[in-house]
Amino acid sequence: MSQSLDDLYREIILDHYRSPRGKKPLAHFDIISDGHNPSCGDELSLEVEMDKDHNTLKDIHVDCKGCAISTASGSILAELIKGKSLEEAKQIAELVKRILKGEEVEVPDSLGDLDALKGVRQFPVRIKCALLAWVTLIEGLKNYENGKGDKAVVSTEDEENKK
């Protein structure tokens, strides 16, 4: 990766860390999911309000207490999945997992800052930090689809790696 591209990705990550999206608490939510990264102690709470008429993620709240990578990844998630269908949100989350596991995938321009997470692959100890929000989302969506979206799900990246 070129130095200028590294700098751009670093700026995107820092912007999301300094001004995280999705911080506004929701008055109503249909999905709640909590995640924990035991490797470094990051904790994340995610709430989603669904538009049930259109089966889309109407609004999202992400509260992350963790490192810059974890916070930035949660912010990117909040920005990208708002307004998406359940299926689109799952596809984006799976794309992130593939990116962070080292697969060469094409990131559509419509997914904006997601490409910045590719830089995290250079730091293997930070991959779990970047995955935390996405794994937490996947678990929450699974629970929602099983009729239990309003029940808190606790996920850890270690559990996700066992699957």
C-alpha atoms as a PDB file:
ATOM      1  CA  MET A   1       0.000   0.000   0.000  1.00  0.00           C
ATOM      2  CA  SER A   2       1.425   3.384  -0.935  1.00  0.00           C
ATOM      3  CA  GLN A   3       2.300   5.957   1.710  1.00  0.00           C
ATOM      4  CA  SER A   4      -0.328   8.444   0.429  1.00  0.00           C
ATOM      5  CA  LEU A   5      -3.026   5.756   0.579  1.00  0.00           C
ATOM      6  CA  ASP A   6      -1.917   4.841   4.110  1.00  0.00           C
ATOM      7  CA  ASP A   7      -2.210   8.495   5.079  1.00  0.00           C
ATOM      8  CA  LEU A   8      -5.699   8.758   3.563  1.00  0.00           C
ATOM      9  CA  TYR A   9      -6.905   5.635   5.372  1.00  0.00           C
ATOM     10  CA  ARG A  10      -5.346   6.848   8.613  1.00  0.00           C
ATOM     11  CA  GLU A  11      -7.217  10.166   8.276  1.00  0.00           C
ATOM     12  CA  ILE A  12     -10.534   8.393   7.624  1.00  0.00           C
ATOM     13  CA  ILE A  13     -10.050   6.179  10.705  1.00  0.00           C
ATOM     14  CA  LEU A  14      -9.100   9.182  12.847  1.00  0.00           C
ATOM     15  CA  ASP A  15     -12.107  11.174  11.606  1.00  0.00           C
ATOM     16  CA  HIS A  16     -14.474   8.355  12.594  1.00  0.00           C
ATOM     17  CA  TYR A  17     -12.712   8.002  15.942  1.00  0.00           C
ATOM     18  CA  ARG A  18     -12.868  11.720  16.747  1.00  0.00           C
ATOM     19  CA  SER A  19     -16.447  12.194  15.475  1.00  0.00           C
ATOM     20  CA  PRO A  20     -18.155   8.824  15.670  1.00  0.00           C
ATOM     21  CA  ARG A  21     -21.415   8.443  13.780  1.00  0.00           C
ATOM     22  CA  GLY A  22     -24.389   6.752  15.400  1.00  0.00           C
ATOM     23  CA  LYS A  23     -23.793   8.186  18.882  1.00  0.00           C
ATOM     24  CA  LYS A  24     -27.342   9.531  19.329  1.00  0.00           C
ATOM     25  CA  PRO A  25     -29.277   7.143  21.620  1.00  0.00           C
ATOM     26  CA  LEU A  26     -32.489   5.748  20.158  1.00  0.00           C
ATOM     27  CA  ALA A  27     -35.858   6.343  21.802  1.00  0.00           C
ATOM     28  CA  HIS A  28     -37.059   3.007  20.408  1.00  0.00           C
ATOM     29  CA  PHE A  29     -35.102   0.015  19.180  1.00  0.00           C
ATOM     30  CA  ASP A  30     -35.955  -3.434  17.864  1.00  0.00           C
ATOM     31  CA  ILE A  31     -32.485  -4.928  18.070  1.00  0.00           C
ATOM     32  CA  ILE A  32     -29.952  -4.728  20.852  1.00  0.00           C
ATOM     33  CA  SER A  33     -26.626  -6.485  20.798  1.00  0.00           C
ATOM     34  CA  ASP A  34     -23.551  -6.143  22.973  1.00  0.00           C
ATOM     35  CA  GLY A  35     -20.067  -7.149  21.921  1.00  0.00           C
ATOM     36  CA  HIS A  36     -16.804  -7.585  23.750  1.00  0.00           C
ATOM     37  CA  ASN A  37     -13.291  -8.081  22.445  1.00  0.00           C
ATOM     38  CA  PRO A  38     -11.498 -10.052  25.165  1.00  0.00           C
ATOM     39  CA  SER A  39      -8.132  -9.504  23.451  1.00  0.00           C
ATOM     40  CA  CYS A  40      -7.976  -5.816  24.325  1.00  0.00           C
ATOM     41  CA  GLY A  41     -11.103  -5.052  26.336  1.00  0.00           C
ATOM     42  CA  ASP A  42     -13.153  -3.158  23.724  1.00  0.00           C
ATOM     43  CA  GLU A  43     -16.879  -3.098  24.523  1.00  0.00           C
ATOM     44  CA  LEU A  44     -19.639  -2.154  22.122  1.00  0.00           C
ATOM     45  CA  SER A  45     -23.380  -1.761  22.490  1.00  0.00           C
ATOM     46  CA  LEU A  46     -25.485  -1.596  19.351  1.00  0.00           C
ATOM     47  CA  GLU A  47     -29.172  -0.696  19.009  1.00  0.00           C
ATOM     48  CA  VAL A  48     -31.161  -0.735  15.770  1.00  0.00           C
ATOM     49  CA  GLU A  49     -34.594   0.653  15.036  1.00  0.00           C
ATOM     50  CA  MET A  50     -36.219  -1.217  12.185  1.00  0.00           C
ATOM     51  CA  ASP A  51     -38.619   0.123   9.576  1.00  0.00           C
ATOM     52  CA  LYS A  52     -40.784  -2.965   9.626  1.00  0.00           C
ATOM     53  CA  ASP A  53     -42.867  -1.873   6.612  1.00  0.00           C
ATOM     54  CA  HIS A  54     -39.765  -1.900   4.405  1.00  0.00           C
ATOM     55  CA  ASN A  55     -37.627  -4.354   6.410  1.00  0.00           C
ATOM     56  CA  THR A  56     -34.804  -1.817   6.593  1.00  0.00           C
ATOM     57  CA  LEU A  57     -32.540  -0.567   9.350  1.00  0.00           C
ATOM     58  CA  LYS A  58     -34.137   2.813  10.012  1.00  0.00           C
ATOM     59  CA  ASP A  59     -31.695   4.099  12.609  1.00  0.00           C
ATOM     60  CA  ILE A  60     -28.723   2.869  14.584  1.00  0.00           C
ATOM     61  CA  HIS A  61     -26.929   3.702  17.801  1.00  0.00           C
ATOM     62  CA  VAL A  62     -23.392   2.480  18.437  1.00  0.00           C
ATOM     63  CA  ASP A  63     -21.745   3.040  21.800  1.00  0.00           C
ATOM     64  CA  CYS A  64     -18.142   1.889  21.768  1.00  0.00           C
ATOM     65  CA  LYS A  65     -15.733   2.012  24.664  1.00  0.00           C
ATOM     66  CA  GLY A  66     -12.479   1.003  23.118  1.00  0.00           C
ATOM     67  CA  CYS A  67      -9.539   1.811  20.924  1.00  0.00           C
ATOM     68  CA  ALA A  68      -9.523   4.078  17.880  1.00  0.00           C
ATOM     69  CA  ILE A  69      -9.907   1.166  15.438  1.00  0.00           C
ATOM     70  CA  SER A  70     -12.884  -0.323  17.282  1.00  0.00           C
ATOM     71  CA  THR A  71     -14.597   3.054  17.604  1.00  0.00           C
ATOM     72  CA  ALA A  72     -13.929   3.985  13.975  1.00  0.00           C
ATOM     73  CA  SER A  73     -15.213   0.645  12.714  1.00  0.00           C
ATOM     74  CA  GLY A  74     -18.436   1.068  14.731  1.00  0.00           C
ATOM     75  CA  SER A  75     -18.825   4.572  13.309  1.00  0.00           C
ATOM     76  CA  ILE A  76     -18.314   3.310   9.751  1.00  0.00           C
ATOM     77  CA  LEU A  77     -20.906   0.618  10.421  1.00  0.00           C
ATOM     78  CA  ALA A  78     -23.431   3.189  11.686  1.00  0.00           C
ATOM     79  CA  GLU A  79     -22.900   5.342   8.624  1.00  0.00           C
ATOM     80  CA  LEU A  80     -23.094   2.515   6.089  1.00  0.00           C
ATOM     81  CA  ILE A  81     -25.961   0.340   7.251  1.00  0.00           C
ATOM     82  CA  LYS A  82     -28.530   2.997   8.103  1.00  0.00           C
ATOM     83  CA  GLY A  83     -31.355   2.672   5.575  1.00  0.00           C
ATOM     84  CA  LYS A  84     -30.161  -0.694   4.270  1.00  0.00           C
ATOM     85  CA  SER A  85     -32.284  -3.834   4.144  1.00  0.00           C
ATOM     86  CA  LEU A  86     -31.519  -6.702   6.500  1.00  0.00           C
ATOM     87  CA  GLU A  87     -29.988  -8.622   3.608  1.00  0.00           C
ATOM     88  CA  GLU A  88     -27.836  -5.677   2.510  1.00  0.00           C
ATOM     89  CA  ALA A  89     -26.609  -5.133   6.088  1.00  0.00           C
ATOM     90  CA  LYS A  90     -25.635  -8.803   6.368  1.00  0.00           C
ATOM     91  CA  GLN A  91     -23.838  -8.684   3.014  1.00  0.00           C
ATOM     92  CA  ILE A  92     -21.866  -5.590   4.041  1.00  0.00           C
ATOM     93  CA  ALA A  93     -20.909  -7.221   7.369  1.00  0.00           C
ATOM     94  CA  GLU A  94     -19.736 -10.352   5.557  1.00  0.00           C
ATOM     95  CA  LEU A  95     -17.743  -8.182   3.123  1.00  0.00           C
ATOM     96  CA  VAL A  96     -15.991  -6.524   6.070  1.00  0.00           C
ATOM     97  CA  LYS A  97     -15.126  -9.922   7.545  1.00  0.00           C
ATOM     98  CA  ARG A  98     -13.651 -11.001   4.200  1.00  0.00           C
ATOM     99  CA  ILE A  99     -11.651  -7.768   3.897  1.00  0.00           C
ATOM    100  CA  LEU A 100     -10.215  -8.096   7.386  1.00  0.00           C
ATOM    101  CA  LYS A 101      -9.384 -11.767   6.938  1.00  0.00           C
ATOM    102  CA  GLY A 102      -7.141 -10.795   4.021  1.00  0.00           C
ATOM    103  CA  GLU A 103      -9.278 -11.618   1.015  1.00  0.00           C
ATOM    104  CA  GLU A 104      -8.873  -9.316  -1.954  1.00  0.00           C
ATOM    105  CA  VAL A 105     -12.365  -8.009  -2.555  1.00  0.00           C
ATOM    106  CA  GLU A 106     -13.624  -5.059  -4.537  1.00  0.00           C
ATOM    107  CA  VAL A 107     -15.308  -2.486  -2.308  1.00  0.00           C
ATOM    108  CA  PRO A 108     -18.078  -0.647  -4.171  1.00  0.00           C
ATOM    109  CA  ASP A 109     -17.781   3.151  -4.197  1.00  0.00           C
ATOM    110  CA  SER A 110     -21.195   3.300  -2.516  1.00  0.00           C
ATOM    111  CA  LEU A 111     -19.614   1.876   0.643  1.00  0.00           C
ATOM    112  CA  GLY A 112     -17.327   4.874   1.023  1.00  0.00           C
ATOM    113  CA  ASP A 113     -15.090   4.661   4.077  1.00  0.00           C
ATOM    114  CA  LEU A 114     -15.230   0.869   4.301  1.00  0.00           C
ATOM    115  CA  ASP A 115     -12.102   0.653   2.165  1.00  0.00           C
ATOM    116  CA  ALA A 116     -10.165   2.331   4.992  1.00  0.00           C
ATOM    117  CA  LEU A 117     -10.501  -0.839   7.075  1.00  0.00           C
ATOM    118  CA  LYS A 118      -8.188  -2.631   4.631  1.00  0.00           C
ATOM    119  CA  GLY A 119      -5.305  -0.819   6.306  1.00  0.00           C
ATOM    120  CA  VAL A 120      -6.065  -2.649   9.570  1.00  0.00           C
ATOM    121  CA  ARG A 121      -4.851  -5.907   8.000  1.00  0.00           C
ATOM    122  CA  GLN A 122      -1.301  -4.621   8.398  1.00  0.00           C
ATOM    123  CA  PHE A 123      -1.794  -4.877  12.165  1.00  0.00           C
ATOM    124  CA  PRO A 124      -3.072  -8.408  12.950  1.00  0.00           C
ATOM    125  CA  VAL A 125      -3.638  -7.632  16.641  1.00  0.00           C
ATOM    126  CA  ARG A 126      -6.130  -4.908  15.594  1.00  0.00           C
ATOM    127  CA  ILE A 127      -8.271  -7.078  13.297  1.00  0.00           C
ATOM    128  CA  LYS A 128     -10.494  -8.194  16.178  1.00  0.00           C
ATOM    129  CA  CYS A 129     -10.947  -4.538  17.138  1.00  0.00           C
ATOM    130  CA  ALA A 130     -12.194  -3.715  13.646  1.00  0.00           C
ATOM    131  CA  LEU A 131     -14.443  -6.800  13.509  1.00  0.00           C
ATOM    132  CA  LEU A 132     -16.169  -6.206  16.846  1.00  0.00           C
ATOM    133  CA  ALA A 133     -18.956  -3.915  15.596  1.00  0.00           C
ATOM    134  CA  TRP A 134     -19.669  -6.104  12.582  1.00  0.00           C
ATOM    135  CA  VAL A 135     -19.788  -9.370  14.537  1.00  0.00           C
ATOM    136  CA  THR A 136     -22.047  -7.672  17.096  1.00  0.00           C
ATOM    137  CA  LEU A 137     -24.337  -6.527  14.261  1.00  0.00           C
ATOM    138  CA  ILE A 138     -24.474 -10.016  12.728  1.00  0.00           C
ATOM    139  CA  GLU A 139     -25.425 -11.556  16.071  1.00  0.00           C
ATOM    140  CA  GLY A 140     -28.111  -8.923  16.653  1.00  0.00           C
ATOM    141  CA  LEU A 141     -29.584  -9.451  13.188  1.00  0.00           C
ATOM    142  CA  LYS A 142     -29.648 -13.239  13.679  1.00  0.00           C
ATOM    143  CA  ASN A 143     -31.457 -12.760  16.965  1.00  0.00           C
ATOM    144  CA  TYR A 144     -33.943 -10.361  15.347  1.00  0.00           C
ATOM    145  CA  GLU A 145     -34.674 -12.824  12.559  1.00  0.00           C
ATOM    146  CA  ASN A 146     -35.324 -15.473  15.215  1.00  0.00           C
ATOM    147  CA  GLY A 147     -37.869 -13.191  16.913  1.00  0.00           C
ATOM    148  CA  LYS A 148     -35.611 -12.197  19.794  1.00  0.00           C
ATOM    149  CA  GLY A 149     -34.173  -8.873  18.619  1.00  0.00           C
ATOM    150  CA  ASP A 150     -34.984  -6.989  21.793  1.00  0.00           C
ATOM    151  CA  LYS A 151     -33.086  -9.456  23.940  1.00  0.00           C
ATOM    152  CA  ALA A 152     -29.493  -8.476  24.515  1.00  0.00           C
ATOM    153  CA  VAL A 153     -27.022 -10.669  22.698  1.00  0.00           C
ATOM    154  CA  VAL A 154     -23.479 -10.798  23.940  1.00  0.00           C
ATOM    155  CA  SER A 155     -20.933 -11.685  21.317  1.00  0.00           C
ATOM    156  CA  THR A 156     -17.182 -11.872  21.286  1.00  0.00           C
ATOM    157  CA  GLU A 157     -14.868 -12.109  18.316  1.00  0.00           C
ATOM    158  CA  ASP A 158     -13.416 -15.317  19.785  1.00  0.00           C
ATOM    159  CA  GLU A 159     -16.846 -16.951  19.576  1.00  0.00           C
ATOM    160  CA  GLU A 160     -17.192 -15.822  15.967  1.00  0.00           C
ATOM    161  CA  ASN A 161     -13.841 -17.398  15.027  1.00  0.00           C
ATOM    162  CA  LYS A 162     -15.006 -20.781  16.336  1.00  0.00           C
ATOM    163  CA  LYS A 163     -17.873 -20.910  13.827  1.00  0.00           C
END
